[in-house]
Amino acid sequence: MPFDGLFTYCMVNELKEKIMGGRIMKIHQPYPNEIILSIRSKGTNHKLLLSAHPTYARAQLTRETYANPPEPPMFCMILRKHLEGFFIELIEQKDCDRIIIFKVKGRDELGDESYKLLIIEIMGRHSNIILVDQVKGTIIDCIKHISPAVNRYRSILPGQSYIWPPEQNKMNPFSATEEDVIRLLDYNAGKLDRQLVEQFAGISPVFAKEVLIQCG
């Protein structure tokens, strides 16, 4: 099953049930593109894996044990500084995109309340994990630095304002009515699976083909 927008929707609901309201106890970065958050929630310890791997990007709870490098990478140390001891106030999905937002709250070194966003963008080779100051809207750090030379639309660098990926202008399937489906699909043109992908957000080609099979 591809990690498309609909799968992301289901994963967000699972994470809300398991870890929302929990406290981030420890943070590790066993691999260059992956981090592990140890979270205490509702009397249970959970391990949340966030991966920006170009092929296997994902967010999931895991029971696996990962070996950590002798020295934590810089991104891991920054996450520890800003997130350890913080509470996960909200977990949400951006529209029907493959973007998961963790809104966290805690206190900084001075004891003042601090609000951060930990955003994981699951977008193939463009996947990223980004820590954002919620009040200022600026990037604190990210697991992959993207300069303007690589992406003119949005650079992803510390100190830059966080900009959402460009809108695809597709219909959200969760708000679509039967009339919307009839209006957007041309049954005489064929290739309905491709039309589903082009017209509705969050739908992968594999899911679209399965829809046609289930519908007969």
N, C-alpha and C. Protein backbone atom coordinates (compact mmCIF):
# COMPACT_ATOMS: atom_id res chain seq x y z
N MET A 1 0.85 -1.19 0.00
CA MET A 1 0.00 0.00 0.00
C MET A 1 0.88 1.24 0.00
N PRO A 2 0.77 2.11 -1.01
CA PRO A 2 1.58 3.33 -1.04
C PRO A 2 1.22 4.26 0.12
N PHE A 3 2.21 5.03 0.55
CA PHE A 3 1.97 6.01 1.62
C PHE A 3 1.41 7.26 0.95
N ASP A 4 0.16 7.16 0.47
CA ASP A 4 -0.47 8.30 -0.19
C ASP A 4 -1.23 9.14 0.84
N GLY A 5 -1.99 10.12 0.35
CA GLY A 5 -2.71 10.99 1.27
C GLY A 5 -3.74 10.28 2.11
N LEU A 6 -4.40 9.25 1.54
CA LEU A 6 -5.40 8.51 2.30
C LEU A 6 -4.75 7.65 3.37
N PHE A 7 -3.60 7.06 3.05
CA PHE A 7 -2.87 6.28 4.05
C PHE A 7 -2.37 7.21 5.15
N THR A 8 -1.93 8.40 4.77
CA THR A 8 -1.49 9.39 5.75
C THR A 8 -2.64 9.75 6.69
N TYR A 9 -3.83 9.90 6.14
CA TYR A 9 -5.02 10.20 6.95
C TYR A 9 -5.23 9.12 8.01
N CYS A 10 -5.12 7.86 7.61
CA CYS A 10 -5.31 6.75 8.56
C CYS A 10 -4.20 6.73 9.61
N MET A 11 -2.96 7.00 9.16
CA MET A 11 -1.84 7.01 10.10
C MET A 11 -1.99 8.12 11.13
N VAL A 12 -2.44 9.29 10.70
CA VAL A 12 -2.64 10.40 11.63
C VAL A 12 -3.67 10.04 12.68
N ASN A 13 -4.74 9.38 12.27
CA ASN A 13 -5.77 8.96 13.24
C ASN A 13 -5.20 7.97 14.26
N GLU A 14 -4.35 7.06 13.79
CA GLU A 14 -3.73 6.10 14.72
C GLU A 14 -2.80 6.81 15.70
N LEU A 15 -2.01 7.76 15.19
CA LEU A 15 -1.09 8.49 16.06
C LEU A 15 -1.84 9.34 17.08
N LYS A 16 -2.96 9.93 16.66
CA LYS A 16 -3.78 10.70 17.60
C LYS A 16 -4.23 9.82 18.76
N GLU A 17 -4.66 8.63 18.43
CA GLU A 17 -5.16 7.71 19.45
C GLU A 17 -4.06 7.27 20.41
N LYS A 18 -2.87 7.05 19.86
CA LYS A 18 -1.80 6.45 20.67
C LYS A 18 -0.95 7.46 21.43
N ILE A 19 -0.58 8.56 20.77
CA ILE A 19 0.47 9.41 21.38
C ILE A 19 0.10 10.87 21.56
N MET A 20 -1.07 11.32 21.08
CA MET A 20 -1.41 12.73 21.27
C MET A 20 -1.61 13.01 22.76
N GLY A 21 -1.00 14.08 23.23
CA GLY A 21 -1.00 14.39 24.65
C GLY A 21 0.20 13.82 25.37
N GLY A 22 0.97 12.98 24.67
CA GLY A 22 2.13 12.35 25.28
C GLY A 22 3.32 13.30 25.39
N ARG A 23 4.31 12.87 26.16
CA ARG A 23 5.51 13.67 26.38
C ARG A 23 6.70 13.04 25.66
N ILE A 24 7.46 13.88 24.96
CA ILE A 24 8.66 13.42 24.26
C ILE A 24 9.79 13.26 25.29
N MET A 25 10.20 12.01 25.50
CA MET A 25 11.19 11.74 26.54
C MET A 25 12.62 11.72 25.99
N LYS A 26 12.80 11.06 24.84
CA LYS A 26 14.14 10.93 24.26
C LYS A 26 14.05 11.03 22.74
N ILE A 27 15.15 11.45 22.12
CA ILE A 27 15.21 11.57 20.66
C ILE A 27 16.52 10.97 20.19
N HIS A 28 16.44 10.13 19.17
CA HIS A 28 17.63 9.52 18.58
C HIS A 28 17.56 9.63 17.06
N GLN A 29 18.72 9.58 16.44
CA GLN A 29 18.80 9.59 14.97
C GLN A 29 19.72 8.46 14.54
N PRO A 30 19.16 7.25 14.39
CA PRO A 30 20.00 6.10 14.06
C PRO A 30 20.55 6.12 12.64
N TYR A 31 19.85 6.78 11.72
CA TYR A 31 20.27 6.84 10.32
C TYR A 31 20.20 8.30 9.84
N PRO A 32 20.88 8.62 8.75
CA PRO A 32 20.92 10.01 8.29
C PRO A 32 19.56 10.63 8.02
N ASN A 33 18.59 9.82 7.57
CA ASN A 33 17.29 10.37 7.19
C ASN A 33 16.15 9.99 8.14
N GLU A 34 16.47 9.40 9.30
CA GLU A 34 15.42 8.91 10.17
C GLU A 34 15.68 9.29 11.63
N ILE A 35 14.59 9.63 12.32
CA ILE A 35 14.69 9.92 13.74
C ILE A 35 13.68 9.07 14.51
N ILE A 36 13.98 8.83 15.78
CA ILE A 36 13.09 8.08 16.67
C ILE A 36 12.75 8.97 17.86
N LEU A 37 11.46 9.16 18.10
CA LEU A 37 11.00 9.88 19.28
C LEU A 37 10.45 8.87 20.27
N SER A 38 10.99 8.84 21.48
CA SER A 38 10.45 8.01 22.55
C SER A 38 9.42 8.85 23.30
N ILE A 39 8.18 8.37 23.31
CA ILE A 39 7.06 9.16 23.83
C ILE A 39 6.34 8.38 24.92
N ARG A 40 6.08 9.07 26.03
CA ARG A 40 5.31 8.48 27.12
C ARG A 40 3.90 9.03 27.04
N SER A 41 2.93 8.14 26.80
CA SER A 41 1.56 8.58 26.62
C SER A 41 0.60 7.59 27.25
N LYS A 42 -0.29 8.08 28.09
CA LYS A 42 -1.34 7.27 28.71
C LYS A 42 -0.77 6.05 29.42
N GLY A 43 0.35 6.26 30.08
CA GLY A 43 0.97 5.20 30.87
C GLY A 43 1.77 4.19 30.07
N THR A 44 1.97 4.45 28.80
CA THR A 44 2.68 3.51 27.93
C THR A 44 3.79 4.22 27.17
N ASN A 45 4.90 3.51 26.96
CA ASN A 45 6.01 4.04 26.17
C ASN A 45 5.82 3.67 24.70
N HIS A 46 6.02 4.63 23.82
CA HIS A 46 5.91 4.40 22.38
C HIS A 46 7.18 4.90 21.70
N LYS A 47 7.49 4.30 20.56
CA LYS A 47 8.58 4.78 19.72
C LYS A 47 8.00 5.20 18.38
N LEU A 48 8.17 6.47 18.07
CA LEU A 48 7.67 7.02 16.80
C LEU A 48 8.84 7.17 15.83
N LEU A 49 8.74 6.49 14.71
CA LEU A 49 9.75 6.58 13.66
C LEU A 49 9.29 7.58 12.61
N LEU A 50 10.12 8.59 12.35
CA LEU A 50 9.88 9.53 11.27
C LEU A 50 11.01 9.40 10.27
N SER A 51 10.66 9.11 9.02
CA SER A 51 11.69 8.84 8.01
C SER A 51 11.52 9.76 6.81
N ALA A 52 12.62 10.37 6.38
CA ALA A 52 12.66 11.17 5.17
C ALA A 52 13.48 10.45 4.10
N HIS A 53 13.49 9.12 4.16
CA HIS A 53 14.22 8.31 3.19
C HIS A 53 13.64 8.57 1.80
N PRO A 54 14.48 8.69 0.77
CA PRO A 54 13.95 8.99 -0.57
C PRO A 54 13.03 7.92 -1.14
N THR A 55 13.13 6.69 -0.64
CA THR A 55 12.27 5.62 -1.15
C THR A 55 11.26 5.16 -0.10
N TYR A 56 11.65 5.15 1.16
CA TYR A 56 10.80 4.58 2.21
C TYR A 56 10.36 5.62 3.23
N ALA A 57 10.15 6.85 2.81
CA ALA A 57 9.70 7.90 3.73
C ALA A 57 8.36 7.51 4.35
N ARG A 58 8.23 7.75 5.66
CA ARG A 58 7.01 7.33 6.35
C ARG A 58 7.02 7.86 7.77
N ALA A 59 5.87 7.71 8.43
CA ALA A 59 5.74 7.95 9.87
C ALA A 59 5.01 6.75 10.44
N GLN A 60 5.53 6.16 11.51
CA GLN A 60 4.90 4.98 12.08
C GLN A 60 5.38 4.74 13.50
N LEU A 61 4.58 4.05 14.26
CA LEU A 61 5.02 3.54 15.55
C LEU A 61 5.77 2.24 15.31
N THR A 62 6.82 2.02 16.07
CA THR A 62 7.64 0.84 15.87
C THR A 62 8.04 0.22 17.20
N ARG A 63 8.30 -1.08 17.17
CA ARG A 63 8.84 -1.78 18.33
C ARG A 63 10.27 -2.22 18.10
N GLU A 64 10.81 -1.90 16.93
CA GLU A 64 12.17 -2.29 16.61
C GLU A 64 13.18 -1.53 17.47
N THR A 65 14.32 -2.16 17.67
CA THR A 65 15.42 -1.53 18.38
C THR A 65 16.49 -1.13 17.36
N TYR A 66 16.90 0.13 17.40
CA TYR A 66 17.86 0.65 16.43
C TYR A 66 19.15 1.02 17.14
N ALA A 67 20.27 0.70 16.49
CA ALA A 67 21.57 1.07 17.03
C ALA A 67 21.85 2.54 16.69
N ASN A 68 22.29 3.30 17.69
CA ASN A 68 22.55 4.71 17.47
C ASN A 68 24.04 4.97 17.27
N PRO A 69 24.40 5.98 16.50
CA PRO A 69 25.82 6.30 16.29
C PRO A 69 26.46 6.77 17.60
N PRO A 70 27.78 6.63 17.72
CA PRO A 70 28.46 7.06 18.95
C PRO A 70 28.22 8.53 19.28
N GLU A 71 28.20 9.37 18.25
CA GLU A 71 27.94 10.79 18.44
C GLU A 71 26.66 11.16 17.70
N PRO A 72 25.70 11.80 18.38
CA PRO A 72 24.46 12.17 17.71
C PRO A 72 24.70 13.23 16.64
N PRO A 73 24.02 13.11 15.48
CA PRO A 73 24.15 14.14 14.44
C PRO A 73 23.63 15.49 14.93
N MET A 74 24.01 16.54 14.23
CA MET A 74 23.64 17.89 14.64
C MET A 74 22.12 18.06 14.71
N PHE A 75 21.39 17.51 13.72
CA PHE A 75 19.94 17.67 13.72
C PHE A 75 19.32 17.01 14.95
N CYS A 76 19.86 15.87 15.34
CA CYS A 76 19.37 15.17 16.52
C CYS A 76 19.60 16.02 17.77
N MET A 77 20.75 16.65 17.88
CA MET A 77 21.05 17.48 19.06
C MET A 77 20.12 18.70 19.12
N ILE A 78 19.81 19.25 17.96
CA ILE A 78 18.90 20.40 17.93
C ILE A 78 17.50 19.98 18.34
N LEU A 79 17.06 18.81 17.86
CA LEU A 79 15.75 18.32 18.27
C LEU A 79 15.71 18.07 19.77
N ARG A 80 16.76 17.51 20.32
CA ARG A 80 16.81 17.28 21.77
C ARG A 80 16.71 18.59 22.53
N LYS A 81 17.40 19.61 22.06
CA LYS A 81 17.39 20.90 22.73
C LYS A 81 15.99 21.51 22.74
N HIS A 82 15.27 21.37 21.63
CA HIS A 82 14.00 22.07 21.46
C HIS A 82 12.77 21.23 21.79
N LEU A 83 12.90 19.90 21.81
CA LEU A 83 11.69 19.07 21.94
C LEU A 83 11.66 18.13 23.13
N GLU A 84 12.81 17.74 23.68
CA GLU A 84 12.77 16.79 24.79
C GLU A 84 12.08 17.42 26.00
N GLY A 85 11.10 16.68 26.54
CA GLY A 85 10.31 17.17 27.63
C GLY A 85 9.04 17.89 27.20
N PHE A 86 8.89 18.10 25.90
CA PHE A 86 7.71 18.79 25.39
C PHE A 86 6.54 17.80 25.24
N PHE A 87 5.34 18.36 25.22
CA PHE A 87 4.13 17.57 25.07
C PHE A 87 3.54 17.75 23.67
N ILE A 88 3.03 16.66 23.11
CA ILE A 88 2.40 16.72 21.78
C ILE A 88 0.95 17.16 21.96
N GLU A 89 0.68 18.41 21.60
CA GLU A 89 -0.67 18.97 21.78
C GLU A 89 -1.63 18.54 20.67
N LEU A 90 -1.11 18.44 19.45
CA LEU A 90 -1.99 18.17 18.32
C LEU A 90 -1.20 17.46 17.23
N ILE A 91 -1.88 16.54 16.56
CA ILE A 91 -1.32 15.87 15.38
C ILE A 91 -2.34 16.04 14.27
N GLU A 92 -1.92 16.59 13.14
CA GLU A 92 -2.86 16.82 12.06
C GLU A 92 -2.20 16.64 10.70
N GLN A 93 -3.05 16.48 9.70
CA GLN A 93 -2.62 16.33 8.32
C GLN A 93 -2.89 17.63 7.57
N LYS A 94 -1.98 18.04 6.71
CA LYS A 94 -2.19 19.23 5.88
C LYS A 94 -3.10 18.86 4.71
N ASP A 95 -4.34 19.38 4.75
CA ASP A 95 -5.33 19.06 3.72
C ASP A 95 -5.39 17.55 3.56
N CYS A 96 -5.20 17.04 2.34
CA CYS A 96 -5.13 15.59 2.15
C CYS A 96 -3.76 15.21 1.60
N ASP A 97 -2.77 16.04 1.93
CA ASP A 97 -1.41 15.82 1.45
C ASP A 97 -0.67 14.83 2.35
N ARG A 98 0.49 14.43 1.90
CA ARG A 98 1.35 13.53 2.68
C ARG A 98 2.24 14.37 3.61
N ILE A 99 1.59 15.19 4.40
CA ILE A 99 2.29 16.06 5.34
C ILE A 99 1.64 15.89 6.71
N ILE A 100 2.45 15.54 7.70
CA ILE A 100 1.97 15.37 9.07
C ILE A 100 2.61 16.44 9.95
N ILE A 101 1.77 17.11 10.75
CA ILE A 101 2.23 18.20 11.59
C ILE A 101 2.04 17.82 13.05
N PHE A 102 3.12 17.88 13.81
CA PHE A 102 3.07 17.65 15.26
C PHE A 102 3.23 19.01 15.94
N LYS A 103 2.19 19.45 16.64
CA LYS A 103 2.27 20.70 17.39
C LYS A 103 2.64 20.37 18.83
N VAL A 104 3.77 20.93 19.28
CA VAL A 104 4.28 20.57 20.60
C VAL A 104 4.43 21.83 21.46
N LYS A 105 4.32 21.61 22.76
CA LYS A 105 4.38 22.72 23.72
C LYS A 105 5.25 22.31 24.89
N GLY A 106 6.06 23.25 25.34
CA GLY A 106 6.91 23.00 26.50
C GLY A 106 7.48 24.31 27.02
N ARG A 107 8.59 24.22 27.73
CA ARG A 107 9.24 25.41 28.25
C ARG A 107 10.70 25.44 27.82
N ASP A 108 11.16 26.62 27.46
CA ASP A 108 12.55 26.76 27.03
C ASP A 108 13.49 26.86 28.22
N GLU A 109 14.75 27.19 27.93
CA GLU A 109 15.76 27.23 29.00
C GLU A 109 15.44 28.27 30.06
N LEU A 110 14.70 29.31 29.68
CA LEU A 110 14.35 30.37 30.63
C LEU A 110 13.06 30.09 31.38
N GLY A 111 12.42 28.99 31.05
CA GLY A 111 11.17 28.65 31.71
C GLY A 111 9.94 29.22 31.05
N ASP A 112 10.11 29.89 29.92
CA ASP A 112 8.98 30.47 29.20
C ASP A 112 8.31 29.42 28.32
N GLU A 113 7.00 29.57 28.11
CA GLU A 113 6.30 28.64 27.25
C GLU A 113 6.82 28.75 25.81
N SER A 114 6.97 27.60 25.17
CA SER A 114 7.52 27.55 23.83
C SER A 114 6.67 26.62 22.97
N TYR A 115 6.41 27.04 21.75
CA TYR A 115 5.57 26.27 20.84
C TYR A 115 6.36 25.97 19.57
N LYS A 116 6.41 24.70 19.20
CA LYS A 116 7.14 24.28 18.02
C LYS A 116 6.25 23.40 17.14
N LEU A 117 6.62 23.33 15.86
CA LEU A 117 6.00 22.42 14.91
C LEU A 117 7.06 21.47 14.40
N LEU A 118 6.78 20.18 14.44
CA LEU A 118 7.65 19.20 13.81
C LEU A 118 6.86 18.67 12.61
N ILE A 119 7.34 18.98 11.42
CA ILE A 119 6.61 18.68 10.19
C ILE A 119 7.37 17.64 9.40
N ILE A 120 6.68 16.56 9.02
CA ILE A 120 7.27 15.56 8.15
C ILE A 120 6.56 15.59 6.82
N GLU A 121 7.31 15.83 5.77
CA GLU A 121 6.80 15.86 4.40
C GLU A 121 7.19 14.55 3.73
N ILE A 122 6.21 13.73 3.41
CA ILE A 122 6.45 12.41 2.82
C ILE A 122 6.27 12.54 1.31
N MET A 123 7.36 12.82 0.62
CA MET A 123 7.27 13.17 -0.80
C MET A 123 8.41 12.55 -1.60
N GLY A 124 8.61 11.25 -1.43
CA GLY A 124 9.66 10.58 -2.20
C GLY A 124 11.02 11.16 -1.93
N ARG A 125 11.77 11.44 -2.98
CA ARG A 125 13.13 11.96 -2.80
C ARG A 125 13.13 13.38 -2.24
N HIS A 126 11.98 14.04 -2.23
CA HIS A 126 11.88 15.38 -1.67
C HIS A 126 11.41 15.36 -0.21
N SER A 127 11.32 14.19 0.39
CA SER A 127 10.86 14.07 1.77
C SER A 127 11.78 14.83 2.72
N ASN A 128 11.19 15.31 3.81
CA ASN A 128 11.99 16.08 4.76
C ASN A 128 11.34 16.05 6.14
N ILE A 129 12.11 16.32 7.16
CA ILE A 129 11.63 16.50 8.53
C ILE A 129 12.10 17.88 8.97
N ILE A 130 11.15 18.74 9.35
CA ILE A 130 11.45 20.15 9.55
C ILE A 130 10.95 20.60 10.92
N LEU A 131 11.82 21.26 11.67
CA LEU A 131 11.45 21.83 12.96
C LEU A 131 11.21 23.32 12.77
N VAL A 132 10.02 23.79 13.16
CA VAL A 132 9.62 25.17 12.91
C VAL A 132 9.22 25.85 14.22
N ASP A 133 9.61 27.10 14.38
CA ASP A 133 9.12 27.92 15.48
C ASP A 133 7.69 28.32 15.14
N GLN A 134 6.73 27.84 15.92
CA GLN A 134 5.32 28.05 15.57
C GLN A 134 4.95 29.54 15.61
N VAL A 135 5.50 30.29 16.53
CA VAL A 135 5.14 31.71 16.68
C VAL A 135 5.75 32.53 15.54
N LYS A 136 7.02 32.32 15.26
CA LYS A 136 7.71 33.12 14.24
C LYS A 136 7.48 32.58 12.82
N GLY A 137 7.15 31.28 12.72
CA GLY A 137 6.98 30.69 11.41
C GLY A 137 8.28 30.44 10.67
N THR A 138 9.40 30.43 11.41
CA THR A 138 10.70 30.23 10.78
C THR A 138 11.25 28.84 11.07
N ILE A 139 12.07 28.37 10.17
CA ILE A 139 12.68 27.04 10.30
C ILE A 139 13.83 27.10 11.30
N ILE A 140 13.79 26.22 12.28
CA ILE A 140 14.91 26.10 13.22
C ILE A 140 15.99 25.22 12.62
N ASP A 141 15.59 24.08 12.09
CA ASP A 141 16.51 23.20 11.37
C ASP A 141 15.70 22.14 10.65
N CYS A 142 16.35 21.39 9.78
CA CYS A 142 15.70 20.34 9.01
C CYS A 142 16.70 19.24 8.72
N ILE A 143 16.19 18.06 8.46
CA ILE A 143 17.08 16.91 8.27
C ILE A 143 17.77 16.98 6.90
N LYS A 144 17.14 17.70 5.95
CA LYS A 144 17.74 17.94 4.63
C LYS A 144 17.68 19.43 4.34
N HIS A 145 18.81 20.03 4.08
CA HIS A 145 18.86 21.45 3.73
C HIS A 145 18.67 21.61 2.22
N ILE A 146 17.69 22.43 1.83
CA ILE A 146 17.39 22.65 0.42
C ILE A 146 17.60 24.12 0.11
N SER A 147 18.59 24.43 -0.72
CA SER A 147 18.94 25.81 -1.03
C SER A 147 18.09 26.35 -2.18
N PRO A 148 18.04 27.68 -2.36
CA PRO A 148 17.31 28.25 -3.49
C PRO A 148 17.83 27.76 -4.84
N ALA A 149 19.09 27.36 -4.91
CA ALA A 149 19.64 26.85 -6.17
C ALA A 149 19.00 25.52 -6.55
N VAL A 150 18.52 24.78 -5.55
CA VAL A 150 17.88 23.49 -5.80
C VAL A 150 16.39 23.66 -6.01
N ASN A 151 15.77 24.54 -5.24
CA ASN A 151 14.32 24.75 -5.32
C ASN A 151 14.03 26.25 -5.23
N ARG A 152 13.65 26.84 -6.34
CA ARG A 152 13.40 28.28 -6.36
C ARG A 152 12.12 28.65 -5.63
N TYR A 153 11.16 27.73 -5.59
CA TYR A 153 9.87 28.04 -4.98
C TYR A 153 9.99 28.15 -3.46
N ARG A 154 10.72 27.24 -2.85
CA ARG A 154 10.84 27.24 -1.38
C ARG A 154 12.19 26.67 -0.98
N SER A 155 13.00 27.49 -0.34
CA SER A 155 14.23 26.99 0.25
C SER A 155 13.92 26.51 1.66
N ILE A 156 14.55 25.42 2.06
CA ILE A 156 14.33 24.86 3.38
C ILE A 156 15.67 24.89 4.11
N LEU A 157 15.86 25.98 4.84
CA LEU A 157 17.12 26.23 5.52
C LEU A 157 16.84 26.89 6.87
N PRO A 158 17.71 26.69 7.85
CA PRO A 158 17.52 27.36 9.15
C PRO A 158 17.42 28.87 8.97
N GLY A 159 16.45 29.47 9.67
CA GLY A 159 16.26 30.91 9.60
C GLY A 159 15.29 31.37 8.53
N GLN A 160 15.00 30.50 7.56
CA GLN A 160 14.05 30.85 6.50
C GLN A 160 12.61 30.68 7.00
N SER A 161 11.70 31.44 6.43
CA SER A 161 10.28 31.24 6.72
C SER A 161 9.83 29.91 6.12
N TYR A 162 9.02 29.19 6.86
CA TYR A 162 8.52 27.92 6.34
C TYR A 162 7.37 28.18 5.37
N ILE A 163 7.48 27.63 4.19
CA ILE A 163 6.46 27.76 3.14
C ILE A 163 5.94 26.36 2.81
N TRP A 164 4.63 26.21 2.78
CA TRP A 164 4.04 24.92 2.42
C TRP A 164 4.37 24.58 0.97
N PRO A 165 4.46 23.29 0.65
CA PRO A 165 4.62 22.90 -0.75
C PRO A 165 3.48 23.45 -1.59
N PRO A 166 3.69 23.65 -2.90
CA PRO A 166 2.65 24.24 -3.76
C PRO A 166 1.36 23.42 -3.76
N GLU A 167 0.23 24.11 -3.82
CA GLU A 167 -1.07 23.45 -3.85
C GLU A 167 -1.25 22.72 -5.18
N GLN A 168 -1.93 21.57 -5.11
CA GLN A 168 -2.21 20.80 -6.32
C GLN A 168 -3.59 21.10 -6.89
N ASN A 169 -4.39 21.84 -6.10
CA ASN A 169 -5.72 22.25 -6.56
C ASN A 169 -6.58 21.05 -6.97
N LYS A 170 -6.59 20.04 -6.11
CA LYS A 170 -7.43 18.87 -6.34
C LYS A 170 -8.55 18.83 -5.30
N MET A 171 -9.61 18.11 -5.61
CA MET A 171 -10.74 17.97 -4.69
C MET A 171 -10.38 17.05 -3.53
N ASN A 172 -10.72 17.48 -2.31
CA ASN A 172 -10.52 16.63 -1.15
C ASN A 172 -11.57 15.52 -1.17
N PRO A 173 -11.17 14.25 -1.25
CA PRO A 173 -12.16 13.17 -1.36
C PRO A 173 -13.07 13.06 -0.14
N PHE A 174 -12.63 13.55 1.02
CA PHE A 174 -13.45 13.44 2.22
C PHE A 174 -14.59 14.46 2.24
N SER A 175 -14.46 15.50 1.45
CA SER A 175 -15.53 16.50 1.38
C SER A 175 -16.30 16.44 0.06
N ALA A 176 -15.88 15.54 -0.85
CA ALA A 176 -16.53 15.44 -2.16
C ALA A 176 -17.91 14.79 -2.02
N THR A 177 -18.87 15.33 -2.74
CA THR A 177 -20.21 14.75 -2.79
C THR A 177 -20.34 13.86 -4.03
N GLU A 178 -21.44 13.13 -4.10
CA GLU A 178 -21.70 12.31 -5.29
C GLU A 178 -21.75 13.19 -6.54
N GLU A 179 -22.33 14.38 -6.41
CA GLU A 179 -22.41 15.30 -7.54
C GLU A 179 -21.01 15.74 -7.98
N ASP A 180 -20.10 15.95 -7.03
CA ASP A 180 -18.73 16.32 -7.37
C ASP A 180 -18.05 15.22 -8.18
N VAL A 181 -18.24 13.98 -7.78
CA VAL A 181 -17.62 12.87 -8.48
C VAL A 181 -18.14 12.79 -9.91
N ILE A 182 -19.46 12.91 -10.07
CA ILE A 182 -20.06 12.84 -11.41
C ILE A 182 -19.57 14.00 -12.28
N ARG A 183 -19.41 15.17 -11.66
CA ARG A 183 -18.97 16.34 -12.42
C ARG A 183 -17.51 16.25 -12.84
N LEU A 184 -16.67 15.70 -11.99
CA LEU A 184 -15.24 15.70 -12.25
C LEU A 184 -14.77 14.54 -13.13
N LEU A 185 -15.52 13.46 -13.18
CA LEU A 185 -15.10 12.30 -13.95
C LEU A 185 -15.84 12.23 -15.29
N ASP A 186 -15.09 11.99 -16.34
CA ASP A 186 -15.66 11.82 -17.68
C ASP A 186 -15.69 10.33 -17.98
N TYR A 187 -16.85 9.72 -17.81
CA TYR A 187 -16.96 8.28 -17.96
C TYR A 187 -16.75 7.82 -19.40
N ASN A 188 -16.99 8.70 -20.34
CA ASN A 188 -16.82 8.34 -21.75
C ASN A 188 -15.36 8.38 -22.19
N ALA A 189 -14.53 9.08 -21.41
CA ALA A 189 -13.12 9.22 -21.79
C ALA A 189 -12.28 8.01 -21.38
N GLY A 190 -12.83 7.15 -20.49
CA GLY A 190 -12.07 5.98 -20.04
C GLY A 190 -10.95 6.36 -19.09
N LYS A 191 -10.11 5.37 -18.76
CA LYS A 191 -8.98 5.56 -17.85
C LYS A 191 -9.44 6.26 -16.56
N LEU A 192 -10.47 5.69 -15.96
CA LEU A 192 -11.04 6.32 -14.76
C LEU A 192 -10.05 6.34 -13.60
N ASP A 193 -9.18 5.33 -13.53
CA ASP A 193 -8.19 5.32 -12.45
C ASP A 193 -7.28 6.55 -12.55
N ARG A 194 -6.85 6.86 -13.77
CA ARG A 194 -5.99 8.04 -13.96
C ARG A 194 -6.77 9.32 -13.64
N GLN A 195 -8.04 9.36 -14.02
CA GLN A 195 -8.86 10.53 -13.71
C GLN A 195 -9.02 10.72 -12.20
N LEU A 196 -9.18 9.63 -11.47
CA LEU A 196 -9.29 9.73 -10.02
C LEU A 196 -8.03 10.35 -9.42
N VAL A 197 -6.88 9.91 -9.90
CA VAL A 197 -5.61 10.45 -9.40
C VAL A 197 -5.48 11.93 -9.73
N GLU A 198 -5.89 12.32 -10.94
CA GLU A 198 -5.73 13.70 -11.38
C GLU A 198 -6.72 14.66 -10.73
N GLN A 199 -7.89 14.17 -10.34
CA GLN A 199 -8.95 15.06 -9.86
C GLN A 199 -9.06 15.12 -8.34
N PHE A 200 -8.62 14.06 -7.65
CA PHE A 200 -8.83 14.00 -6.20
C PHE A 200 -7.50 13.92 -5.46
N ALA A 201 -7.39 14.69 -4.40
CA ALA A 201 -6.16 14.75 -3.62
C ALA A 201 -5.95 13.47 -2.82
N GLY A 202 -4.69 13.10 -2.66
CA GLY A 202 -4.35 12.00 -1.76
C GLY A 202 -4.52 10.61 -2.32
N ILE A 203 -4.90 10.48 -3.59
CA ILE A 203 -5.17 9.16 -4.17
C ILE A 203 -4.00 8.72 -5.04
N SER A 204 -3.46 7.56 -4.75
CA SER A 204 -2.36 7.00 -5.53
C SER A 204 -2.90 6.14 -6.65
N PRO A 205 -2.10 5.86 -7.69
CA PRO A 205 -2.54 4.99 -8.79
C PRO A 205 -2.97 3.61 -8.31
N VAL A 206 -2.26 3.06 -7.31
CA VAL A 206 -2.62 1.74 -6.80
C VAL A 206 -4.00 1.77 -6.16
N PHE A 207 -4.27 2.80 -5.35
CA PHE A 207 -5.59 2.91 -4.72
C PHE A 207 -6.68 3.11 -5.76
N ALA A 208 -6.40 3.94 -6.77
CA ALA A 208 -7.41 4.20 -7.81
C ALA A 208 -7.77 2.92 -8.56
N LYS A 209 -6.78 2.10 -8.88
CA LYS A 209 -7.06 0.83 -9.56
C LYS A 209 -7.89 -0.10 -8.66
N GLU A 210 -7.61 -0.09 -7.38
CA GLU A 210 -8.38 -0.93 -6.45
C GLU A 210 -9.82 -0.47 -6.35
N VAL A 211 -10.04 0.85 -6.42
CA VAL A 211 -11.39 1.39 -6.40
C VAL A 211 -12.18 0.84 -7.58
N LEU A 212 -11.58 0.84 -8.77
CA LEU A 212 -12.28 0.34 -9.96
C LEU A 212 -12.57 -1.15 -9.84
N ILE A 213 -11.63 -1.90 -9.27
CA ILE A 213 -11.86 -3.33 -9.09
C ILE A 213 -13.02 -3.58 -8.14
N GLN A 214 -13.03 -2.84 -7.02
CA GLN A 214 -14.10 -3.01 -6.03
C GLN A 214 -15.46 -2.59 -6.58
N CYS A 215 -15.44 -1.60 -7.48
CA CYS A 215 -16.69 -1.11 -8.06
C CYS A 215 -17.17 -1.97 -9.24
N GLY A 216 -16.30 -2.84 -9.71
CA GLY A 216 -16.70 -3.70 -10.82
C GLY A 216 -16.66 -2.98 -12.15
